[in-house]
Amino acid sequence: MVTTLATQITAHPGGWNDGGDPPAFWPVFPITFGLFWLAVLGTAFYLIRRRMTAGAGGTGGAGGTGGATAATAAADPMVKAQSILAERFARGEIDEDEYLMRMSALRNGG
């Protein structure tokens, strides 16, 4: 029995598909695998870069306009005053009536 198994193993041509050619679509798998990892690395780079620029640009709110808002506020004192007023209202330092009164005073008397 051992000799029969040994002769069958040595008589087998070897390889997959009984010695035939590999399938024609074999390059699809390594290319897809490479593209997947490129997408993962690209996404990680994008998220890290976005987080770094949001931290350096100011508030970094939704939509990625935090840096532009901070630059506009630094250039225009009216925008800066309105943003400070909005921050005080968000923190609860002033109530809604006082916020609306001061905001209208800024807009009218500006």
PDB file of N, CA and C in Angstrom:
ATOM      1  N   MET A   1       0.824  -1.188   0.000  1.00  0.00           N
ATOM      2  CA  MET A   1       0.000   0.000   0.000  1.00  0.00           C
ATOM      3  C   MET A   1       0.871   1.256   0.000  1.00  0.00           C
ATOM      4  N   VAL A   2       1.977   1.229   0.738  1.00  0.00           N
ATOM      5  CA  VAL A   2       2.865   2.367   0.780  1.00  0.00           C
ATOM      6  C   VAL A   2       3.501   2.576  -0.588  1.00  0.00           C
ATOM      7  N   THR A   3       3.847   1.523  -1.243  1.00  0.00           N
ATOM      8  CA  THR A   3       4.455   1.669  -2.565  1.00  0.00           C
ATOM      9  C   THR A   3       3.449   2.184  -3.570  1.00  0.00           C
ATOM     10  N   THR A   4       2.212   1.829  -3.437  1.00  0.00           N
ATOM     11  CA  THR A   4       1.188   2.311  -4.359  1.00  0.00           C
ATOM     12  C   THR A   4       0.982   3.815  -4.180  1.00  0.00           C
ATOM     13  N   LEU A   5       0.941   4.289  -2.954  1.00  0.00           N
ATOM     14  CA  LEU A   5       0.797   5.712  -2.691  1.00  0.00           C
ATOM     15  C   LEU A   5       2.016   6.476  -3.178  1.00  0.00           C
ATOM     16  N   ALA A   6       3.182   5.929  -2.944  1.00  0.00           N
ATOM     17  CA  ALA A   6       4.409   6.581  -3.380  1.00  0.00           C
ATOM     18  C   ALA A   6       4.474   6.665  -4.901  1.00  0.00           C
ATOM     19  N   THR A   7       4.037   5.660  -5.580  1.00  0.00           N
ATOM     20  CA  THR A   7       4.071   5.707  -7.041  1.00  0.00           C
ATOM     21  C   THR A   7       3.044   6.689  -7.579  1.00  0.00           C
ATOM     22  N   GLN A   8       1.914   6.833  -6.909  1.00  0.00           N
ATOM     23  CA  GLN A   8       0.917   7.807  -7.357  1.00  0.00           C
ATOM     24  C   GLN A   8       1.423   9.240  -7.157  1.00  0.00           C
ATOM     25  N   ILE A   9       2.115   9.503  -6.064  1.00  0.00           N
ATOM     26  CA  ILE A   9       2.629  10.843  -5.796  1.00  0.00           C
ATOM     27  C   ILE A   9       3.708  11.202  -6.798  1.00  0.00           C
ATOM     28  N   THR A  10       4.589  10.300  -7.072  1.00  0.00           N
ATOM     29  CA  THR A  10       5.669  10.588  -8.017  1.00  0.00           C
ATOM     30  C   THR A  10       5.159  10.647  -9.449  1.00  0.00           C
ATOM     31  N   ALA A  11       4.081   9.979  -9.770  1.00  0.00           N
ATOM     32  CA  ALA A  11       3.550   9.991 -11.123  1.00  0.00           C
ATOM     33  C   ALA A  11       2.708  11.241 -11.391  1.00  0.00           C
ATOM     34  N   HIS A  12       2.266  11.923 -10.345  1.00  0.00           N
ATOM     35  CA  HIS A  12       1.433  13.128 -10.514  1.00  0.00           C
ATOM     36  C   HIS A  12       2.271  14.233 -11.123  1.00  0.00           C
ATOM     37  N   PRO A  13       1.749  14.960 -12.117  1.00  0.00           N
ATOM     38  CA  PRO A  13       2.552  15.993 -12.775  1.00  0.00           C
ATOM     39  C   PRO A  13       2.859  17.184 -11.866  1.00  0.00           C
ATOM     40  N   GLY A  14       2.113  17.378 -10.787  1.00  0.00           N
ATOM     41  CA  GLY A  14       2.380  18.469  -9.858  1.00  0.00           C
ATOM     42  C   GLY A  14       1.639  19.734 -10.236  1.00  0.00           C
ATOM     43  N   GLY A  15       1.653  20.669  -9.318  1.00  0.00           N
ATOM     44  CA  GLY A  15       1.001  21.939  -9.567  1.00  0.00           C
ATOM     45  C   GLY A  15      -0.507  21.849  -9.439  1.00  0.00           C
ATOM     46  N   TRP A  16      -1.128  22.949  -9.684  1.00  0.00           N
ATOM     47  CA  TRP A  16      -2.578  23.033  -9.604  1.00  0.00           C
ATOM     48  C   TRP A  16      -3.167  22.806 -10.991  1.00  0.00           C
ATOM     49  N   ASN A  17      -4.419  22.565 -11.058  1.00  0.00           N
ATOM     50  CA  ASN A  17      -5.144  22.338 -12.313  1.00  0.00           C
ATOM     51  C   ASN A  17      -4.564  21.184 -13.117  1.00  0.00           C
ATOM     52  N   ASP A  18      -4.016  20.235 -12.453  1.00  0.00           N
ATOM     53  CA  ASP A  18      -3.448  19.057 -13.113  1.00  0.00           C
ATOM     54  C   ASP A  18      -2.450  19.433 -14.189  1.00  0.00           C
ATOM     55  N   GLY A  19      -1.630  20.434 -13.949  1.00  0.00           N
ATOM     56  CA  GLY A  19      -0.575  20.799 -14.869  1.00  0.00           C
ATOM     57  C   GLY A  19      -1.004  21.766 -15.953  1.00  0.00           C
ATOM     58  N   GLY A  20      -2.228  22.272 -15.905  1.00  0.00           N
ATOM     59  CA  GLY A  20      -2.701  23.203 -16.918  1.00  0.00           C
ATOM     60  C   GLY A  20      -2.234  24.620 -16.643  1.00  0.00           C
ATOM     61  N   ASP A  21      -2.590  25.515 -17.526  1.00  0.00           N
ATOM     62  CA  ASP A  21      -2.232  26.921 -17.354  1.00  0.00           C
ATOM     63  C   ASP A  21      -3.047  27.543 -16.228  1.00  0.00           C
ATOM     64  N   PRO A  22      -2.490  28.574 -15.560  1.00  0.00           N
ATOM     65  CA  PRO A  22      -3.272  29.263 -14.522  1.00  0.00           C
ATOM     66  C   PRO A  22      -4.402  30.057 -15.171  1.00  0.00           C
ATOM     67  N   PRO A  23      -5.425  30.379 -14.404  1.00  0.00           N
ATOM     68  CA  PRO A  23      -6.535  31.160 -14.971  1.00  0.00           C
ATOM     69  C   PRO A  23      -6.052  32.521 -15.470  1.00  0.00           C
ATOM     70  N   ALA A  24      -6.729  33.053 -16.471  1.00  0.00           N
ATOM     71  CA  ALA A  24      -6.313  34.306 -17.091  1.00  0.00           C
ATOM     72  C   ALA A  24      -6.590  35.514 -16.196  1.00  0.00           C
ATOM     73  N   PHE A  25      -7.459  35.402 -15.201  1.00  0.00           N
ATOM     74  CA  PHE A  25      -7.826  36.543 -14.358  1.00  0.00           C
ATOM     75  C   PHE A  25      -6.986  36.630 -13.086  1.00  0.00           C
ATOM     76  N   TRP A  26      -5.879  35.925 -12.991  1.00  0.00           N
ATOM     77  CA  TRP A  26      -5.100  35.933 -11.755  1.00  0.00           C
ATOM     78  C   TRP A  26      -4.544  37.311 -11.398  1.00  0.00           C
ATOM     79  N   PRO A  27      -4.229  38.240 -12.345  1.00  0.00           N
ATOM     80  CA  PRO A  27      -3.706  39.557 -11.921  1.00  0.00           C
ATOM     81  C   PRO A  27      -4.738  40.413 -11.192  1.00  0.00           C
ATOM     82  N   VAL A  28      -6.004  40.074 -11.290  1.00  0.00           N
ATOM     83  CA  VAL A  28      -7.045  40.879 -10.653  1.00  0.00           C
ATOM     84  C   VAL A  28      -6.868  40.890  -9.129  1.00  0.00           C
ATOM     85  N   PHE A  29      -6.502  39.784  -8.551  1.00  0.00           N
ATOM     86  CA  PHE A  29      -6.416  39.683  -7.093  1.00  0.00           C
ATOM     87  C   PHE A  29      -5.281  40.520  -6.502  1.00  0.00           C
ATOM     88  N   PRO A  30      -4.046  40.446  -7.004  1.00  0.00           N
ATOM     89  CA  PRO A  30      -3.010  41.315  -6.413  1.00  0.00           C
ATOM     90  C   PRO A  30      -3.251  42.795  -6.682  1.00  0.00           C
ATOM     91  N   ILE A  31      -3.816  43.119  -7.841  1.00  0.00           N
ATOM     92  CA  ILE A  31      -4.110  44.525  -8.133  1.00  0.00           C
ATOM     93  C   ILE A  31      -5.173  45.043  -7.182  1.00  0.00           C
ATOM     94  N   THR A  32      -6.219  44.269  -6.955  1.00  0.00           N
ATOM     95  CA  THR A  32      -7.282  44.663  -6.034  1.00  0.00           C
ATOM     96  C   THR A  32      -6.743  44.795  -4.611  1.00  0.00           C
ATOM     97  N   PHE A  33      -5.896  43.876  -4.216  1.00  0.00           N
ATOM     98  CA  PHE A  33      -5.299  43.932  -2.882  1.00  0.00           C
ATOM     99  C   PHE A  33      -4.458  45.198  -2.731  1.00  0.00           C
ATOM    100  N   GLY A  34      -3.668  45.523  -3.736  1.00  0.00           N
ATOM    101  CA  GLY A  34      -2.856  46.739  -3.687  1.00  0.00           C
ATOM    102  C   GLY A  34      -3.707  47.991  -3.655  1.00  0.00           C
ATOM    103  N   LEU A  35      -4.763  48.034  -4.457  1.00  0.00           N
ATOM    104  CA  LEU A  35      -5.654  49.196  -4.458  1.00  0.00           C
ATOM    105  C   LEU A  35      -6.362  49.364  -3.118  1.00  0.00           C
ATOM    106  N   PHE A  36      -6.721  48.248  -2.507  1.00  0.00           N
ATOM    107  CA  PHE A  36      -7.356  48.309  -1.190  1.00  0.00           C
ATOM    108  C   PHE A  36      -6.428  48.973  -0.183  1.00  0.00           C
ATOM    109  N   TRP A  37      -5.156  48.555  -0.143  1.00  0.00           N
ATOM    110  CA  TRP A  37      -4.234  49.128   0.830  1.00  0.00           C
ATOM    111  C   TRP A  37      -3.882  50.570   0.497  1.00  0.00           C
ATOM    112  N   LEU A  38      -3.860  50.915  -0.777  1.00  0.00           N
ATOM    113  CA  LEU A  38      -3.667  52.319  -1.139  1.00  0.00           C
ATOM    114  C   LEU A  38      -4.835  53.174  -0.648  1.00  0.00           C
ATOM    115  N   ALA A  39      -6.051  52.637  -0.756  1.00  0.00           N
ATOM    116  CA  ALA A  39      -7.218  53.370  -0.269  1.00  0.00           C
ATOM    117  C   ALA A  39      -7.171  53.519   1.249  1.00  0.00           C
ATOM    118  N   VAL A  40      -6.758  52.484   1.946  1.00  0.00           N
ATOM    119  CA  VAL A  40      -6.658  52.554   3.408  1.00  0.00           C
ATOM    120  C   VAL A  40      -5.614  53.598   3.817  1.00  0.00           C
ATOM    121  N   LEU A  41      -4.453  53.577   3.189  1.00  0.00           N
ATOM    122  CA  LEU A  41      -3.410  54.539   3.524  1.00  0.00           C
ATOM    123  C   LEU A  41      -3.812  55.959   3.135  1.00  0.00           C
ATOM    124  N   GLY A  42      -4.464  56.112   1.993  1.00  0.00           N
ATOM    125  CA  GLY A  42      -4.923  57.430   1.575  1.00  0.00           C
ATOM    126  C   GLY A  42      -5.949  58.005   2.528  1.00  0.00           C
ATOM    127  N   THR A  43      -6.879  57.164   2.982  1.00  0.00           N
ATOM    128  CA  THR A  43      -7.893  57.616   3.934  1.00  0.00           C
ATOM    129  C   THR A  43      -7.249  58.008   5.264  1.00  0.00           C
ATOM    130  N   ALA A  44      -6.301  57.208   5.725  1.00  0.00           N
ATOM    131  CA  ALA A  44      -5.623  57.528   6.980  1.00  0.00           C
ATOM    132  C   ALA A  44      -4.848  58.845   6.849  1.00  0.00           C
ATOM    133  N   PHE A  45      -4.160  59.033   5.736  1.00  0.00           N
ATOM    134  CA  PHE A  45      -3.420  60.272   5.514  1.00  0.00           C
ATOM    135  C   PHE A  45      -4.372  61.464   5.485  1.00  0.00           C
ATOM    136  N   TYR A  46      -5.497  61.313   4.789  1.00  0.00           N
ATOM    137  CA  TYR A  46      -6.475  62.404   4.699  1.00  0.00           C
ATOM    138  C   TYR A  46      -7.020  62.772   6.074  1.00  0.00           C
ATOM    139  N   LEU A  47      -7.397  61.766   6.870  1.00  0.00           N
ATOM    140  CA  LEU A  47      -7.968  62.044   8.186  1.00  0.00           C
ATOM    141  C   LEU A  47      -6.944  62.672   9.127  1.00  0.00           C
ATOM    142  N   ILE A  48      -5.716  62.192   9.094  1.00  0.00           N
ATOM    143  CA  ILE A  48      -4.681  62.776   9.953  1.00  0.00           C
ATOM    144  C   ILE A  48      -4.389  64.205   9.527  1.00  0.00           C
ATOM    145  N   ARG A  49      -4.279  64.425   8.222  1.00  0.00           N
ATOM    146  CA  ARG A  49      -4.003  65.771   7.715  1.00  0.00           C
ATOM    147  C   ARG A  49      -5.142  66.732   8.051  1.00  0.00           C
ATOM    148  N   ARG A  50      -6.382  66.246   7.925  1.00  0.00           N
ATOM    149  CA  ARG A  50      -7.537  67.080   8.233  1.00  0.00           C
ATOM    150  C   ARG A  50      -7.565  67.447   9.719  1.00  0.00           C
ATOM    151  N   ARG A  51      -7.216  66.486  10.551  1.00  0.00           N
ATOM    152  CA  ARG A  51      -7.207  66.751  11.991  1.00  0.00           C
ATOM    153  C   ARG A  51      -6.112  67.751  12.362  1.00  0.00           C
ATOM    154  N   MET A  52      -4.957  67.647  11.706  1.00  0.00           N
ATOM    155  CA  MET A  52      -3.861  68.564  12.001  1.00  0.00           C
ATOM    156  C   MET A  52      -4.198  69.979  11.543  1.00  0.00           C
ATOM    157  N   THR A  53      -4.796  70.137  10.363  1.00  0.00           N
ATOM    158  CA  THR A  53      -5.120  71.474   9.882  1.00  0.00           C
ATOM    159  C   THR A  53      -6.285  72.069  10.655  1.00  0.00           C
ATOM    160  N   ALA A  54      -7.212  71.243  11.122  1.00  0.00           N
ATOM    161  CA  ALA A  54      -8.331  71.751  11.914  1.00  0.00           C
ATOM    162  C   ALA A  54      -7.833  72.251  13.265  1.00  0.00           C
ATOM    163  N   GLY A  55      -6.865  71.567  13.845  1.00  0.00           N
ATOM    164  CA  GLY A  55      -6.324  71.988  15.132  1.00  0.00           C
ATOM    165  C   GLY A  55      -5.531  73.274  15.028  1.00  0.00           C
ATOM    166  N   ALA A  56      -4.855  73.479  13.910  1.00  0.00           N
ATOM    167  CA  ALA A  56      -4.040  74.670  13.745  1.00  0.00           C
ATOM    168  C   ALA A  56      -4.852  75.863  13.270  1.00  0.00           C
ATOM    169  N   GLY A  57      -6.002  75.605  12.624  1.00  0.00           N
ATOM    170  CA  GLY A  57      -6.759  76.686  12.012  1.00  0.00           C
ATOM    171  C   GLY A  57      -7.785  77.324  12.903  1.00  0.00           C
ATOM    172  N   GLY A  58      -7.991  76.864  14.070  1.00  0.00           N
ATOM    173  CA  GLY A  58      -8.987  77.473  14.953  1.00  0.00           C
ATOM    174  C   GLY A  58     -10.007  76.452  15.401  1.00  0.00           C
ATOM    175  N   THR A  59     -11.279  76.740  15.113  1.00  0.00           N
ATOM    176  CA  THR A  59     -12.342  75.892  15.618  1.00  0.00           C
ATOM    177  C   THR A  59     -12.422  74.578  14.884  1.00  0.00           C
ATOM    178  N   GLY A  60     -12.201  74.560  13.572  1.00  0.00           N
ATOM    179  CA  GLY A  60     -12.232  73.318  12.820  1.00  0.00           C
ATOM    180  C   GLY A  60     -13.582  72.670  12.831  1.00  0.00           C
ATOM    181  N   GLY A  61     -14.633  73.436  12.691  1.00  0.00           N
ATOM    182  CA  GLY A  61     -15.983  72.901  12.740  1.00  0.00           C
ATOM    183  C   GLY A  61     -16.326  72.047  11.553  1.00  0.00           C
ATOM    184  N   ALA A  62     -17.577  71.623  11.471  1.00  0.00           N
ATOM    185  CA  ALA A  62     -18.018  70.772  10.386  1.00  0.00           C
ATOM    186  C   ALA A  62     -17.903  71.505   9.067  1.00  0.00           C
ATOM    187  N   GLY A  63     -17.521  70.752   8.046  1.00  0.00           N
ATOM    188  CA  GLY A  63     -17.380  71.343   6.740  1.00  0.00           C
ATOM    189  C   GLY A  63     -15.983  71.857   6.467  1.00  0.00           C
ATOM    190  N   GLY A  64     -15.104  71.832   7.444  1.00  0.00           N
ATOM    191  CA  GLY A  64     -13.726  72.233   7.229  1.00  0.00           C
ATOM    192  C   GLY A  64     -13.536  73.724   7.043  1.00  0.00           C
ATOM    193  N   THR A  65     -14.436  74.569   7.553  1.00  0.00           N
ATOM    194  CA  THR A  65     -14.312  76.007   7.362  1.00  0.00           C
ATOM    195  C   THR A  65     -13.795  76.710   8.606  1.00  0.00           C
ATOM    196  N   GLY A  66     -13.260  75.958   9.549  1.00  0.00           N
ATOM    197  CA  GLY A  66     -12.787  76.571  10.785  1.00  0.00           C
ATOM    198  C   GLY A  66     -11.641  77.525  10.561  1.00  0.00           C
ATOM    199  N   GLY A  67     -10.700  77.184   9.697  1.00  0.00           N
ATOM    200  CA  GLY A  67      -9.569  78.054   9.423  1.00  0.00           C
ATOM    201  C   GLY A  67     -10.002  79.320   8.714  1.00  0.00           C
ATOM    202  N   ALA A  68     -10.947  79.214   7.777  1.00  0.00           N
ATOM    203  CA  ALA A  68     -11.418  80.388   7.048  1.00  0.00           C
ATOM    204  C   ALA A  68     -12.180  81.324   7.977  1.00  0.00           C
ATOM    205  N   THR A  69     -12.949  80.793   8.899  1.00  0.00           N
ATOM    206  CA  THR A  69     -13.696  81.619   9.835  1.00  0.00           C
ATOM    207  C   THR A  69     -12.742  82.357  10.769  1.00  0.00           C
ATOM    208  N   ALA A  70     -11.710  81.688  11.225  1.00  0.00           N
ATOM    209  CA  ALA A  70     -10.745  82.324  12.116  1.00  0.00           C
ATOM    210  C   ALA A  70      -9.989  83.430  11.386  1.00  0.00           C
ATOM    211  N   ALA A  71      -9.651  83.199  10.117  1.00  0.00           N
ATOM    212  CA  ALA A  71      -8.936  84.222   9.344  1.00  0.00           C
ATOM    213  C   ALA A  71      -9.838  85.427   9.099  1.00  0.00           C
ATOM    214  N   THR A  72     -11.111  85.180   8.812  1.00  0.00           N
ATOM    215  CA  THR A  72     -12.051  86.271   8.591  1.00  0.00           C
ATOM    216  C   THR A  72     -12.264  87.053   9.880  1.00  0.00           C
ATOM    217  N   ALA A  73     -12.363  86.357  11.007  1.00  0.00           N
ATOM    218  CA  ALA A  73     -12.575  87.027  12.288  1.00  0.00           C
ATOM    219  C   ALA A  73     -11.373  87.888  12.663  1.00  0.00           C
ATOM    220  N   ALA A  74     -10.189  87.443  12.321  1.00  0.00           N
ATOM    221  CA  ALA A  74      -8.996  88.229  12.645  1.00  0.00           C
ATOM    222  C   ALA A  74      -8.925  89.478  11.769  1.00  0.00           C
ATOM    223  N   ALA A  75      -9.445  89.390  10.540  1.00  0.00           N
ATOM    224  CA  ALA A  75      -9.361  90.532   9.631  1.00  0.00           C
ATOM    225  C   ALA A  75     -10.449  91.556   9.911  1.00  0.00           C
ATOM    226  N   ASP A  76     -11.622  91.134  10.349  1.00  0.00           N
ATOM    227  CA  ASP A  76     -12.758  92.029  10.542  1.00  0.00           C
ATOM    228  C   ASP A  76     -13.139  92.063  12.021  1.00  0.00           C
ATOM    229  N   PRO A  77     -13.026  93.212  12.687  1.00  0.00           N
ATOM    230  CA  PRO A  77     -13.360  93.270  14.118  1.00  0.00           C
ATOM    231  C   PRO A  77     -14.841  93.018  14.396  1.00  0.00           C
ATOM    232  N   MET A  78     -15.728  93.335  13.442  1.00  0.00           N
ATOM    233  CA  MET A  78     -17.160  93.090  13.636  1.00  0.00           C
ATOM    234  C   MET A  78     -17.437  91.586  13.715  1.00  0.00           C
ATOM    235  N   VAL A  79     -16.798  90.826  12.830  1.00  0.00           N
ATOM    236  CA  VAL A  79     -16.974  89.369  12.841  1.00  0.00           C
ATOM    237  C   VAL A  79     -16.390  88.783  14.123  1.00  0.00           C
ATOM    238  N   LYS A  80     -15.270  89.325  14.561  1.00  0.00           N
ATOM    239  CA  LYS A  80     -14.665  88.853  15.801  1.00  0.00           C
ATOM    240  C   LYS A  80     -15.582  89.107  16.998  1.00  0.00           C
ATOM    241  N   ALA A  81     -16.192  90.296  17.039  1.00  0.00           N
ATOM    242  CA  ALA A  81     -17.107  90.617  18.143  1.00  0.00           C
ATOM    243  C   ALA A  81     -18.324  89.700  18.120  1.00  0.00           C
ATOM    244  N   GLN A  82     -18.854  89.422  16.933  1.00  0.00           N
ATOM    245  CA  GLN A  82     -20.010  88.527  16.837  1.00  0.00           C
ATOM    246  C   GLN A  82     -19.648  87.106  17.244  1.00  0.00           C
ATOM    247  N   SER A  83     -18.458  86.653  16.880  1.00  0.00           N
ATOM    248  CA  SER A  83     -18.065  85.297  17.268  1.00  0.00           C
ATOM    249  C   SER A  83     -17.843  85.189  18.781  1.00  0.00           C
ATOM    250  N   ILE A  84     -17.291  86.248  19.391  1.00  0.00           N
ATOM    251  CA  ILE A  84     -17.120  86.238  20.848  1.00  0.00           C
ATOM    252  C   ILE A  84     -18.478  86.216  21.542  1.00  0.00           C
ATOM    253  N   LEU A  85     -19.405  87.000  21.002  1.00  0.00           N
ATOM    254  CA  LEU A  85     -20.754  87.010  21.567  1.00  0.00           C
ATOM    255  C   LEU A  85     -21.415  85.644  21.435  1.00  0.00           C
ATOM    256  N   ALA A  86     -21.236  85.002  20.283  1.00  0.00           N
ATOM    257  CA  ALA A  86     -21.807  83.671  20.077  1.00  0.00           C
ATOM    258  C   ALA A  86     -21.179  82.643  21.018  1.00  0.00           C
ATOM    259  N   GLU A  87     -19.878  82.764  21.267  1.00  0.00           N
ATOM    260  CA  GLU A  87     -19.213  81.863  22.203  1.00  0.00           C
ATOM    261  C   GLU A  87     -19.734  82.049  23.625  1.00  0.00           C
ATOM    262  N   ARG A  88     -19.919  83.286  24.033  1.00  0.00           N
ATOM    263  CA  ARG A  88     -20.449  83.550  25.382  1.00  0.00           C
ATOM    264  C   ARG A  88     -21.851  82.985  25.531  1.00  0.00           C
ATOM    265  N   PHE A  89     -22.654  83.105  24.469  1.00  0.00           N
ATOM    266  CA  PHE A  89     -24.009  82.547  24.507  1.00  0.00           C
ATOM    267  C   PHE A  89     -23.954  81.026  24.562  1.00  0.00           C
ATOM    268  N   ALA A  90     -23.039  80.413  23.814  1.00  0.00           N
ATOM    269  CA  ALA A  90     -22.914  78.953  23.809  1.00  0.00           C
ATOM    270  C   ALA A  90     -22.448  78.428  25.162  1.00  0.00           C
ATOM    271  N   ARG A  91     -21.589  79.179  25.842  1.00  0.00           N
ATOM    272  CA  ARG A  91     -21.119  78.754  27.168  1.00  0.00           C
ATOM    273  C   ARG A  91     -22.144  78.999  28.262  1.00  0.00           C
ATOM    274  N   GLY A  92     -23.173  79.776  27.965  1.00  0.00           N
ATOM    275  CA  GLY A  92     -24.203  80.045  28.960  1.00  0.00           C
ATOM    276  C   GLY A  92     -23.918  81.260  29.816  1.00  0.00           C
ATOM    277  N   GLU A  93     -22.955  82.079  29.457  1.00  0.00           N
ATOM    278  CA  GLU A  93     -22.639  83.275  30.223  1.00  0.00           C
ATOM    279  C   GLU A  93     -23.728  84.336  30.075  1.00  0.00           C
ATOM    280  N   ILE A  94     -24.392  84.354  28.925  1.00  0.00           N
ATOM    281  CA  ILE A  94     -25.494  85.303  28.712  1.00  0.00           C
ATOM    282  C   ILE A  94     -26.709  84.519  28.235  1.00  0.00           C
ATOM    283  N   ASP A  95     -27.897  85.066  28.486  1.00  0.00           N
ATOM    284  CA  ASP A  95     -29.120  84.381  28.060  1.00  0.00           C
ATOM    285  C   ASP A  95     -29.495  84.831  26.640  1.00  0.00           C
ATOM    286  N   GLU A  96     -30.583  84.264  26.136  1.00  0.00           N
ATOM    287  CA  GLU A  96     -30.981  84.511  24.752  1.00  0.00           C
ATOM    288  C   GLU A  96     -31.374  85.977  24.522  1.00  0.00           C
ATOM    289  N   ASP A  97     -32.076  86.564  25.476  1.00  0.00           N
ATOM    290  CA  ASP A  97     -32.500  87.960  25.317  1.00  0.00           C
ATOM    291  C   ASP A  97     -31.292  88.894  25.218  1.00  0.00           C
ATOM    292  N   GLU A  98     -30.329  88.693  26.112  1.00  0.00           N
ATOM    293  CA  GLU A  98     -29.144  89.537  26.081  1.00  0.00           C
ATOM    294  C   GLU A  98     -28.344  89.305  24.803  1.00  0.00           C
ATOM    295  N   TYR A  99     -28.271  88.039  24.347  1.00  0.00           N
ATOM    296  CA  TYR A  99     -27.561  87.724  23.110  1.00  0.00           C
ATOM    297  C   TYR A  99     -28.191  88.447  21.924  1.00  0.00           C
ATOM    298  N   LEU A 100     -29.534  88.353  21.818  1.00  0.00           N
ATOM    299  CA  LEU A 100     -30.219  88.994  20.691  1.00  0.00           C
ATOM    300  C   LEU A 100     -30.089  90.521  20.752  1.00  0.00           C
ATOM    301  N   MET A 101     -30.172  91.072  21.965  1.00  0.00           N
ATOM    302  CA  MET A 101     -30.051  92.519  22.115  1.00  0.00           C
ATOM    303  C   MET A 101     -28.645  92.995  21.702  1.00  0.00           C
ATOM    304  N   ARG A 102     -27.623  92.313  22.165  1.00  0.00           N
ATOM    305  CA  ARG A 102     -26.261  92.714  21.839  1.00  0.00           C
ATOM    306  C   ARG A 102     -25.936  92.470  20.366  1.00  0.00           C
ATOM    307  N   MET A 103     -26.481  91.377  19.800  1.00  0.00           N
ATOM    308  CA  MET A 103     -26.238  91.111  18.384  1.00  0.00           C
ATOM    309  C   MET A 103     -26.891  92.175  17.506  1.00  0.00           C
ATOM    310  N   SER A 104     -28.107  92.599  17.866  1.00  0.00           N
ATOM    311  CA  SER A 104     -28.749  93.645  17.081  1.00  0.00           C
ATOM    312  C   SER A 104     -28.016  94.969  17.255  1.00  0.00           C
ATOM    313  N   ALA A 105     -27.486  95.221  18.447  1.00  0.00           N
ATOM    314  CA  ALA A 105     -26.697  96.443  18.657  1.00  0.00           C
ATOM    315  C   ALA A 105     -25.434  96.402  17.809  1.00  0.00           C
ATOM    316  N   LEU A 106     -24.811  95.240  17.692  1.00  0.00           N
ATOM    317  CA  LEU A 106     -23.633  95.144  16.859  1.00  0.00           C
ATOM    318  C   LEU A 106     -23.968  95.378  15.383  1.00  0.00           C
ATOM    319  N   ARG A 107     -25.070  94.815  14.936  1.00  0.00           N
ATOM    320  CA  ARG A 107     -25.438  94.940  13.531  1.00  0.00           C
ATOM    321  C   ARG A 107     -25.882  96.357  13.191  1.00  0.00           C
ATOM    322  N   ASN A 108     -26.619  96.991  14.082  1.00  0.00           N
ATOM    323  CA  ASN A 108     -27.145  98.334  13.802  1.00  0.00           C
ATOM    324  C   ASN A 108     -26.130  99.427  14.084  1.00  0.00           C
ATOM    325  N   GLY A 109     -25.425  99.295  15.168  1.00  0.00           N
ATOM    326  CA  GLY A 109     -24.514 100.358  15.575  1.00  0.00           C
ATOM    327  C   GLY A 109     -23.101 100.192  15.041  1.00  0.00           C
ATOM    328  N   GLY A 110     -22.815  99.051  14.407  1.00  0.00           N
ATOM    329  CA  GLY A 110     -21.484  98.690  13.953  1.00  0.00           C
ATOM    330  C   GLY A 110     -20.785  99.734  13.200  1.00  0.00           C
TER     331      GLY A 110
END
